[in-house]
PDB file of N, CA and C in Angstrom:
ATOM      1  N   MET A   1       6.800 -35.178  18.738  1.00  0.00           N
ATOM      2  CA  MET A   1       6.551 -34.154  19.813  1.00  0.00           C
ATOM      3  C   MET A   1       7.864 -33.787  20.534  1.00  0.00           C
ATOM      4  N   HIS A   2       8.690 -34.867  20.753  1.00  0.00           N
ATOM      5  CA  HIS A   2       9.940 -34.654  21.411  1.00  0.00           C
ATOM      6  C   HIS A   2      10.834 -33.791  20.583  1.00  0.00           C
ATOM      7  N   ASP A   3      10.818 -33.971  19.273  1.00  0.00           N
ATOM      8  CA  ASP A   3      11.658 -33.169  18.337  1.00  0.00           C
ATOM      9  C   ASP A   3      11.210 -31.703  18.425  1.00  0.00           C
ATOM     10  N   PHE A   4       9.862 -31.511  18.457  1.00  0.00           N
ATOM     11  CA  PHE A   4       9.391 -30.168  18.560  1.00  0.00           C
ATOM     12  C   PHE A   4       9.876 -29.458  19.799  1.00  0.00           C
ATOM     13  N   THR A   5       9.800 -30.143  20.891  1.00  0.00           N
ATOM     14  CA  THR A   5      10.252 -29.556  22.173  1.00  0.00           C
ATOM     15  C   THR A   5      11.722 -29.195  22.200  1.00  0.00           C
ATOM     16  N   SER A   6      12.529 -30.131  21.662  1.00  0.00           N
ATOM     17  CA  SER A   6      13.987 -29.826  21.650  1.00  0.00           C
ATOM     18  C   SER A   6      14.323 -28.679  20.686  1.00  0.00           C
ATOM     19  N   THR A   7      13.617 -28.612  19.588  1.00  0.00           N
ATOM     20  CA  THR A   7      13.765 -27.510  18.634  1.00  0.00           C
ATOM     21  C   THR A   7      13.302 -26.202  19.322  1.00  0.00           C
ATOM     22  N   HIS A   8      12.213 -26.280  20.014  1.00  0.00           N
ATOM     23  CA  HIS A   8      11.717 -25.073  20.714  1.00  0.00           C
ATOM     24  C   HIS A   8      12.752 -24.565  21.710  1.00  0.00           C
ATOM     25  N   THR A   9      13.343 -25.534  22.424  1.00  0.00           N
ATOM     26  CA  THR A   9      14.318 -25.158  23.478  1.00  0.00           C
ATOM     27  C   THR A   9      15.522 -24.481  22.836  1.00  0.00           C
ATOM     28  N   SER A  10      16.031 -25.082  21.719  1.00  0.00           N
ATOM     29  CA  SER A  10      17.178 -24.498  21.079  1.00  0.00           C
ATOM     30  C   SER A  10      16.848 -23.124  20.488  1.00  0.00           C
ATOM     31  N   GLN A  11      15.595 -22.968  19.994  1.00  0.00           N
ATOM     32  CA  GLN A  11      15.176 -21.638  19.478  1.00  0.00           C
ATOM     33  C   GLN A  11      15.212 -20.626  20.649  1.00  0.00           C
ATOM     34  N   ARG A  12      14.724 -21.029  21.834  1.00  0.00           N
ATOM     35  CA  ARG A  12      14.733 -20.155  22.930  1.00  0.00           C
ATOM     36  C   ARG A  12      16.117 -19.731  23.333  1.00  0.00           C
ATOM     37  N   LYS A  13      17.063 -20.672  23.361  1.00  0.00           N
ATOM     38  CA  LYS A  13      18.402 -20.411  23.682  1.00  0.00           C
ATOM     39  C   LYS A  13      19.021 -19.476  22.642  1.00  0.00           C
ATOM     40  N   LYS A  14      18.681 -19.693  21.407  1.00  0.00           N
ATOM     41  CA  LYS A  14      19.168 -18.749  20.334  1.00  0.00           C
ATOM     42  C   LYS A  14      18.674 -17.375  20.502  1.00  0.00           C
ATOM     43  N   VAL A  15      17.369 -17.290  20.804  1.00  0.00           N
ATOM     44  CA  VAL A  15      16.759 -15.935  20.978  1.00  0.00           C
ATOM     45  C   VAL A  15      17.442 -15.289  22.224  1.00  0.00           C
ATOM     46  N   ARG A  16      17.667 -16.087  23.264  1.00  0.00           N
ATOM     47  CA  ARG A  16      18.277 -15.538  24.452  1.00  0.00           C
ATOM     48  C   ARG A  16      19.687 -14.968  24.156  1.00  0.00           C
ATOM     49  N   ALA A  17      20.374 -15.775  23.401  1.00  0.00           N
ATOM     50  CA  ALA A  17      21.819 -15.360  23.015  1.00  0.00           C
ATOM     51  C   ALA A  17      21.788 -14.111  22.184  1.00  0.00           C
ATOM     52  N   THR A  18      20.816 -14.091  21.259  1.00  0.00           N
ATOM     53  CA  THR A  18      20.727 -12.928  20.353  1.00  0.00           C
ATOM     54  C   THR A  18      20.315 -11.682  21.093  1.00  0.00           C
ATOM     55  N   THR A  19      19.397 -11.861  22.057  1.00  0.00           N
ATOM     56  CA  THR A  19      18.997 -10.708  22.885  1.00  0.00           C
ATOM     57  C   THR A  19      20.154 -10.152  23.719  1.00  0.00           C
ATOM     58  N   THR A  20      20.914 -11.131  24.281  1.00  0.00           N
ATOM     59  CA  THR A  20      22.080 -10.677  25.100  1.00  0.00           C
ATOM     60  C   THR A  20      23.134  -9.977  24.264  1.00  0.00           C
ATOM     61  N   LEU A  21      23.384 -10.520  23.032  1.00  0.00           N
ATOM     62  CA  LEU A  21      24.360  -9.845  22.137  1.00  0.00           C
ATOM     63  C   LEU A  21      23.843  -8.481  21.724  1.00  0.00           C
ATOM     64  N   LEU A  22      22.544  -8.387  21.406  1.00  0.00           N
ATOM     65  CA  LEU A  22      21.982  -7.141  20.997  1.00  0.00           C
ATOM     66  C   LEU A  22      22.044  -6.148  22.182  1.00  0.00           C
ATOM     67  N   TYR A  23      21.820  -6.554  23.379  1.00  0.00           N
ATOM     68  CA  TYR A  23      21.925  -5.711  24.556  1.00  0.00           C
ATOM     69  C   TYR A  23      23.340  -5.130  24.691  1.00  0.00           C
ATOM     70  N   ILE A  24      24.309  -6.049  24.564  1.00  0.00           N
ATOM     71  CA  ILE A  24      25.694  -5.643  24.650  1.00  0.00           C
ATOM     72  C   ILE A  24      26.080  -4.701  23.610  1.00  0.00           C
ATOM     73  N   ASN A  25      25.629  -5.003  22.392  1.00  0.00           N
ATOM     74  CA  ASN A  25      25.900  -4.183  21.182  1.00  0.00           C
ATOM     75  C   ASN A  25      25.270  -2.787  21.371  1.00  0.00           C
ATOM     76  N   MET A  26      24.068  -2.770  21.891  1.00  0.00           N
ATOM     77  CA  MET A  26      23.375  -1.495  22.129  1.00  0.00           C
ATOM     78  C   MET A  26      24.113  -0.630  23.095  1.00  0.00           C
ATOM     79  N   ARG A  27      24.625  -1.265  24.163  1.00  0.00           N
ATOM     80  CA  ARG A  27      25.425  -0.465  25.142  1.00  0.00           C
ATOM     81  C   ARG A  27      26.682   0.073  24.524  1.00  0.00           C
ATOM     82  N   CYS A  28      27.382  -0.762  23.820  1.00  0.00           N
ATOM     83  CA  CYS A  28      28.599  -0.367  23.177  1.00  0.00           C
ATOM     84  C   CYS A  28      28.327   0.757  22.164  1.00  0.00           C
ATOM     85  N   TYR A  29      27.260   0.573  21.379  1.00  0.00           N
ATOM     86  CA  TYR A  29      26.906   1.471  20.274  1.00  0.00           C
ATOM     87  C   TYR A  29      26.490   2.837  20.911  1.00  0.00           C
ATOM     88  N   THR A  30      25.743   2.768  22.025  1.00  0.00           N
ATOM     89  CA  THR A  30      25.375   4.011  22.653  1.00  0.00           C
ATOM     90  C   THR A  30      26.585   4.753  23.167  1.00  0.00           C
ATOM     91  N   GLY A  31      27.540   4.024  23.701  1.00  0.00           N
ATOM     92  CA  GLY A  31      28.707   4.700  24.221  1.00  0.00           C
ATOM     93  C   GLY A  31      29.529   5.320  23.104  1.00  0.00           C
ATOM     94  N   THR A  32      29.733   4.608  22.060  1.00  0.00           N
ATOM     95  CA  THR A  32      30.499   5.152  20.927  1.00  0.00           C
ATOM     96  C   THR A  32      29.687   6.207  20.261  1.00  0.00           C
ATOM     97  N   TYR A  33      28.366   6.099  20.179  1.00  0.00           N
ATOM     98  CA  TYR A  33      27.514   7.141  19.621  1.00  0.00           C
ATOM     99  C   TYR A  33      27.725   8.461  20.296  1.00  0.00           C
ATOM    100  N   HIS A  34      27.678   8.467  21.610  1.00  0.00           N
ATOM    101  CA  HIS A  34      27.885   9.750  22.400  1.00  0.00           C
ATOM    102  C   HIS A  34      29.283  10.290  22.160  1.00  0.00           C
ATOM    103  N   THR A  35      30.221   9.377  22.099  1.00  0.00           N
ATOM    104  CA  THR A  35      31.611   9.860  21.834  1.00  0.00           C
ATOM    105  C   THR A  35      31.735  10.457  20.513  1.00  0.00           C
ATOM    106  N   ASN A  36      31.188   9.801  19.476  1.00  0.00           N
ATOM    107  CA  ASN A  36      31.182  10.272  18.131  1.00  0.00           C
ATOM    108  C   ASN A  36      30.425  11.613  18.005  1.00  0.00           C
ATOM    109  N   LEU A  37      29.313  11.709  18.728  1.00  0.00           N
ATOM    110  CA  LEU A  37      28.517  12.942  18.747  1.00  0.00           C
ATOM    111  C   LEU A  37      29.375  14.141  19.241  1.00  0.00           C
ATOM    112  N   ALA A  38      30.079  13.831  20.302  1.00  0.00           N
ATOM    113  CA  ALA A  38      30.976  14.945  20.882  1.00  0.00           C
ATOM    114  C   ALA A  38      32.133  15.304  19.832  1.00  0.00           C
ATOM    115  N   MET A  39      32.691  14.274  19.265  1.00  0.00           N
ATOM    116  CA  MET A  39      33.729  14.566  18.254  1.00  0.00           C
ATOM    117  C   MET A  39      33.164  15.327  17.077  1.00  0.00           C
ATOM    118  N   VAL A  40      31.999  14.914  16.600  1.00  0.00           N
ATOM    119  CA  VAL A  40      31.364  15.554  15.441  1.00  0.00           C
ATOM    120  C   VAL A  40      30.999  17.044  15.831  1.00  0.00           C
ATOM    121  N   SER A  41      30.485  17.299  16.954  1.00  0.00           N
ATOM    122  CA  SER A  41      30.107  18.656  17.354  1.00  0.00           C
ATOM    123  C   SER A  41      31.290  19.480  17.504  1.00  0.00           C
ATOM    124  N   SER A  42      32.384  18.966  18.090  1.00  0.00           N
ATOM    125  CA  SER A  42      33.640  19.745  18.265  1.00  0.00           C
ATOM    126  C   SER A  42      34.248  20.008  16.907  1.00  0.00           C
ATOM    127  N   TYR A  43      34.160  19.035  15.966  1.00  0.00           N
ATOM    128  CA  TYR A  43      34.617  19.215  14.585  1.00  0.00           C
ATOM    129  C   TYR A  43      33.835  20.255  13.853  1.00  0.00           C
ATOM    130  N   ALA A  44      32.531  20.267  14.177  1.00  0.00           N
ATOM    131  CA  ALA A  44      31.663  21.233  13.487  1.00  0.00           C
ATOM    132  C   ALA A  44      31.994  22.670  13.958  1.00  0.00           C
ATOM    133  N   TYR A  45      32.343  22.780  15.240  1.00  0.00           N
ATOM    134  CA  TYR A  45      32.739  24.131  15.765  1.00  0.00           C
ATOM    135  C   TYR A  45      34.035  24.606  15.207  1.00  0.00           C
ATOM    136  N   GLN A  46      34.955  23.660  14.882  1.00  0.00           N
ATOM    137  CA  GLN A  46      36.209  24.056  14.291  1.00  0.00           C
ATOM    138  C   GLN A  46      36.096  24.525  12.899  1.00  0.00           C
ATOM    139  N   THR A  47      35.222  24.059  12.143  1.00  0.00           N
ATOM    140  CA  THR A  47      35.091  24.448  10.698  1.00  0.00           C
ATOM    141  C   THR A  47      34.217  25.626  10.557  1.00  0.00           C
TER     142      THR A  47
END
């Protein structure tokens, strides 16, 4: 039972870390996505 609890705790920490990383990645991705969108649209107007 003790092993299960410790495993569960490490799983929770892992999930928490993954969620935090995903959140940071989403924020960075959204920022670059908007920048790329502006670049693509300006490029589309040029051609």
